[in-house]
């Protein structure tokens, strides 16, 4: 029996302690050793462990990390059920009074 494993990588670090490096990008997207990013070590460990279904949850300054994942980690169409999907943060705003939108957790009733 083959186990099916799904991984979630929490890549939302603001990186305040690495400020000069995180001025323009999220901590997981910071360069390490010239051509690697910090997130590459986590993704490489997952792939080398046989875990190919991966969601990367991104929270802070996500553009450079999204680009890196798109350019460096997209699998070819050969691997049908295997993926790395970046999931950027979603902003939810309260519904305006008088609209038909359902209440969100951020509204008060």
C-alpha atoms as a PDB file:
ATOM      1  CA  UNK A   1       0.000   0.000   0.000  1.00  0.00           C
ATOM      2  CA  UNK A   2       1.416   3.366  -1.016  1.00  0.00           C
ATOM      3  CA  UNK A   3       0.884   6.224   1.417  1.00  0.00           C
ATOM      4  CA  UNK A   4      -0.265   9.553   0.033  1.00  0.00           C
ATOM      5  CA  UNK A   5       1.264  12.483   1.891  1.00  0.00           C
ATOM      6  CA  UNK A   6       0.436  16.177   1.541  1.00  0.00           C
ATOM      7  CA  UNK A   7       2.870  18.774   2.925  1.00  0.00           C
ATOM      8  CA  UNK A   8       2.182  22.356   3.961  1.00  0.00           C
ATOM      9  CA  UNK A   9       5.195  24.666   4.164  1.00  0.00           C
ATOM     10  CA  UNK A  10       4.603  27.761   6.303  1.00  0.00           C
ATOM     11  CA  UNK A  11       6.650  30.376   4.458  1.00  0.00           C
ATOM     12  CA  UNK A  12       5.300  33.562   5.925  1.00  0.00           C
ATOM     13  CA  UNK A  13       8.203  34.931   7.899  1.00  0.00           C
ATOM     14  CA  UNK A  14       8.563  38.697   8.034  1.00  0.00           C
ATOM     15  CA  UNK A  15      12.205  38.319   8.991  1.00  0.00           C
ATOM     16  CA  UNK A  16      12.643  41.309  11.289  1.00  0.00           C
ATOM     17  CA  UNK A  17      15.951  39.952  12.633  1.00  0.00           C
ATOM     18  CA  UNK A  18      17.250  39.693   9.066  1.00  0.00           C
ATOM     19  CA  UNK A  19      16.060  43.205   8.183  1.00  0.00           C
ATOM     20  CA  UNK A  20      18.708  44.310   5.723  1.00  0.00           C
ATOM     21  CA  UNK A  21      18.067  41.118   3.752  1.00  0.00           C
ATOM     22  CA  UNK A  22      14.276  41.197   4.117  1.00  0.00           C
ATOM     23  CA  UNK A  23      13.725  44.784   3.105  1.00  0.00           C
ATOM     24  CA  UNK A  24      12.494  43.718  -0.343  1.00  0.00           C
ATOM     25  CA  UNK A  25      11.450  40.088   0.194  1.00  0.00           C
ATOM     26  CA  UNK A  26      10.082  37.536   2.634  1.00  0.00           C
ATOM     27  CA  UNK A  27      12.484  35.584   4.809  1.00  0.00           C
ATOM     28  CA  UNK A  28      11.943  32.284   2.923  1.00  0.00           C
ATOM     29  CA  UNK A  29      12.968  34.067  -0.309  1.00  0.00           C
ATOM     30  CA  UNK A  30      16.261  35.421   1.053  1.00  0.00           C
ATOM     31  CA  UNK A  31      19.278  34.270  -0.968  1.00  0.00           C
ATOM     32  CA  UNK A  32      21.543  31.716   0.685  1.00  0.00           C
ATOM     33  CA  UNK A  33      24.890  30.640  -0.743  1.00  0.00           C
ATOM     34  CA  UNK A  34      24.579  32.671  -3.907  1.00  0.00           C
ATOM     35  CA  UNK A  35      21.841  30.870  -5.833  1.00  0.00           C
ATOM     36  CA  UNK A  36      19.603  29.140  -3.300  1.00  0.00           C
ATOM     37  CA  UNK A  37      16.750  30.545  -1.237  1.00  0.00           C
ATOM     38  CA  UNK A  38      16.016  29.559   2.363  1.00  0.00           C
ATOM     39  CA  UNK A  39      12.814  27.795   1.270  1.00  0.00           C
ATOM     40  CA  UNK A  40      14.832  25.593  -1.112  1.00  0.00           C
ATOM     41  CA  UNK A  41      16.207  23.546   1.795  1.00  0.00           C
ATOM     42  CA  UNK A  42      12.726  22.668   3.022  1.00  0.00           C
ATOM     43  CA  UNK A  43      11.444  21.851  -0.472  1.00  0.00           C
ATOM     44  CA  UNK A  44      14.537  19.788  -1.264  1.00  0.00           C
ATOM     45  CA  UNK A  45      14.131  17.764   1.944  1.00  0.00           C
ATOM     46  CA  UNK A  46      10.482  17.074   1.100  1.00  0.00           C
ATOM     47  CA  UNK A  47      11.271  15.995  -2.470  1.00  0.00           C
ATOM     48  CA  UNK A  48      14.188  13.807  -1.336  1.00  0.00           C
ATOM     49  CA  UNK A  49      11.869  12.184   1.234  1.00  0.00           C
ATOM     50  CA  UNK A  50       9.389  11.243  -1.479  1.00  0.00           C
ATOM     51  CA  UNK A  51       6.818  13.924  -0.670  1.00  0.00           C
ATOM     52  CA  UNK A  52       5.788  15.511  -3.943  1.00  0.00           C
ATOM     53  CA  UNK A  53       2.452  17.136  -3.100  1.00  0.00           C
ATOM     54  CA  UNK A  54       3.343  20.440  -1.453  1.00  0.00           C
ATOM     55  CA  UNK A  55       1.478  23.651  -0.662  1.00  0.00           C
ATOM     56  CA  UNK A  56       3.639  26.660   0.206  1.00  0.00           C
ATOM     57  CA  UNK A  57       1.662  29.129   2.351  1.00  0.00           C
ATOM     58  CA  UNK A  58       3.017  32.646   1.823  1.00  0.00           C
ATOM     59  CA  UNK A  59       2.162  35.607   4.027  1.00  0.00           C
ATOM     60  CA  UNK A  60       4.583  38.529   3.758  1.00  0.00           C
ATOM     61  CA  UNK A  61       6.077  40.212   0.654  1.00  0.00           C
ATOM     62  CA  UNK A  62       5.235  37.235  -1.474  1.00  0.00           C
ATOM     63  CA  UNK A  63       6.198  38.362  -4.997  1.00  0.00           C
ATOM     64  CA  UNK A  64       9.851  37.285  -5.025  1.00  0.00           C
ATOM     65  CA  UNK A  65       8.979  33.930  -3.466  1.00  0.00           C
ATOM     66  CA  UNK A  66       6.169  33.369  -5.975  1.00  0.00           C
ATOM     67  CA  UNK A  67       8.584  34.095  -8.824  1.00  0.00           C
ATOM     68  CA  UNK A  68      11.209  31.756  -7.398  1.00  0.00           C
ATOM     69  CA  UNK A  69       8.721  28.910  -6.978  1.00  0.00           C
ATOM     70  CA  UNK A  70       7.353  29.447 -10.477  1.00  0.00           C
ATOM     71  CA  UNK A  71      10.772  29.645 -12.145  1.00  0.00           C
ATOM     72  CA  UNK A  72      12.673  27.042 -10.154  1.00  0.00           C
ATOM     73  CA  UNK A  73      10.254  24.489  -8.723  1.00  0.00           C
ATOM     74  CA  UNK A  74       7.476  23.826 -11.217  1.00  0.00           C
ATOM     75  CA  UNK A  75       7.283  20.188 -12.203  1.00  0.00           C
ATOM     76  CA  UNK A  76       6.749  19.133 -15.777  1.00  0.00           C
ATOM     77  CA  UNK A  77       3.419  17.749 -16.948  1.00  0.00           C
ATOM     78  CA  UNK A  78       4.815  14.216 -16.683  1.00  0.00           C
ATOM     79  CA  UNK A  79       4.185  14.025 -12.939  1.00  0.00           C
ATOM     80  CA  UNK A  80       0.380  13.946 -12.874  1.00  0.00           C
ATOM     81  CA  UNK A  81      -0.480  13.975  -9.146  1.00  0.00           C
ATOM     82  CA  UNK A  82       2.584  15.813  -7.878  1.00  0.00           C
ATOM     83  CA  UNK A  83       2.820  19.545  -7.355  1.00  0.00           C
ATOM     84  CA  UNK A  84       4.205  22.533  -5.518  1.00  0.00           C
ATOM     85  CA  UNK A  85       1.487  25.167  -5.220  1.00  0.00           C
ATOM     86  CA  UNK A  86       2.149  28.594  -3.706  1.00  0.00           C
ATOM     87  CA  UNK A  87      -0.806  29.928  -1.739  1.00  0.00           C
ATOM     88  CA  UNK A  88      -0.524  33.696  -1.195  1.00  0.00           C
ATOM     89  CA  UNK A  89      -2.287  35.397   1.686  1.00  0.00           C
ATOM     90  CA  UNK A  90      -5.903  36.441   1.224  1.00  0.00           C
ATOM     91  CA  UNK A  91      -7.144  39.754   2.516  1.00  0.00           C
ATOM     92  CA  UNK A  92     -10.670  39.730   3.852  1.00  0.00           C
ATOM     93  CA  UNK A  93     -12.480  42.937   4.534  1.00  0.00           C
ATOM     94  CA  UNK A  94     -15.727  43.346   6.437  1.00  0.00           C
ATOM     95  CA  UNK A  95     -18.879  43.569   4.347  1.00  0.00           C
ATOM     96  CA  UNK A  96     -20.289  47.050   4.004  1.00  0.00           C
ATOM     97  CA  UNK A  97     -23.611  47.617   5.745  1.00  0.00           C
ATOM     98  CA  UNK A  98     -26.514  47.266   3.353  1.00  0.00           C
ATOM     99  CA  UNK A  99     -24.803  44.827   0.995  1.00  0.00           C
ATOM    100  CA  UNK A 100     -25.910  41.282   0.325  1.00  0.00           C
ATOM    101  CA  UNK A 101     -22.530  39.847   1.235  1.00  0.00           C
ATOM    102  CA  UNK A 102     -22.588  37.287   4.055  1.00  0.00           C
ATOM    103  CA  UNK A 103     -20.980  38.388   7.314  1.00  0.00           C
ATOM    104  CA  UNK A 104     -17.303  37.602   7.713  1.00  0.00           C
ATOM    105  CA  UNK A 105     -15.566  36.700  10.976  1.00  0.00           C
ATOM    106  CA  UNK A 106     -14.281  40.278  11.113  1.00  0.00           C
ATOM    107  CA  UNK A 107     -17.698  41.938  11.273  1.00  0.00           C
ATOM    108  CA  UNK A 108     -19.502  42.609  14.499  1.00  0.00           C
ATOM    109  CA  UNK A 109     -23.193  41.950  14.869  1.00  0.00           C
END
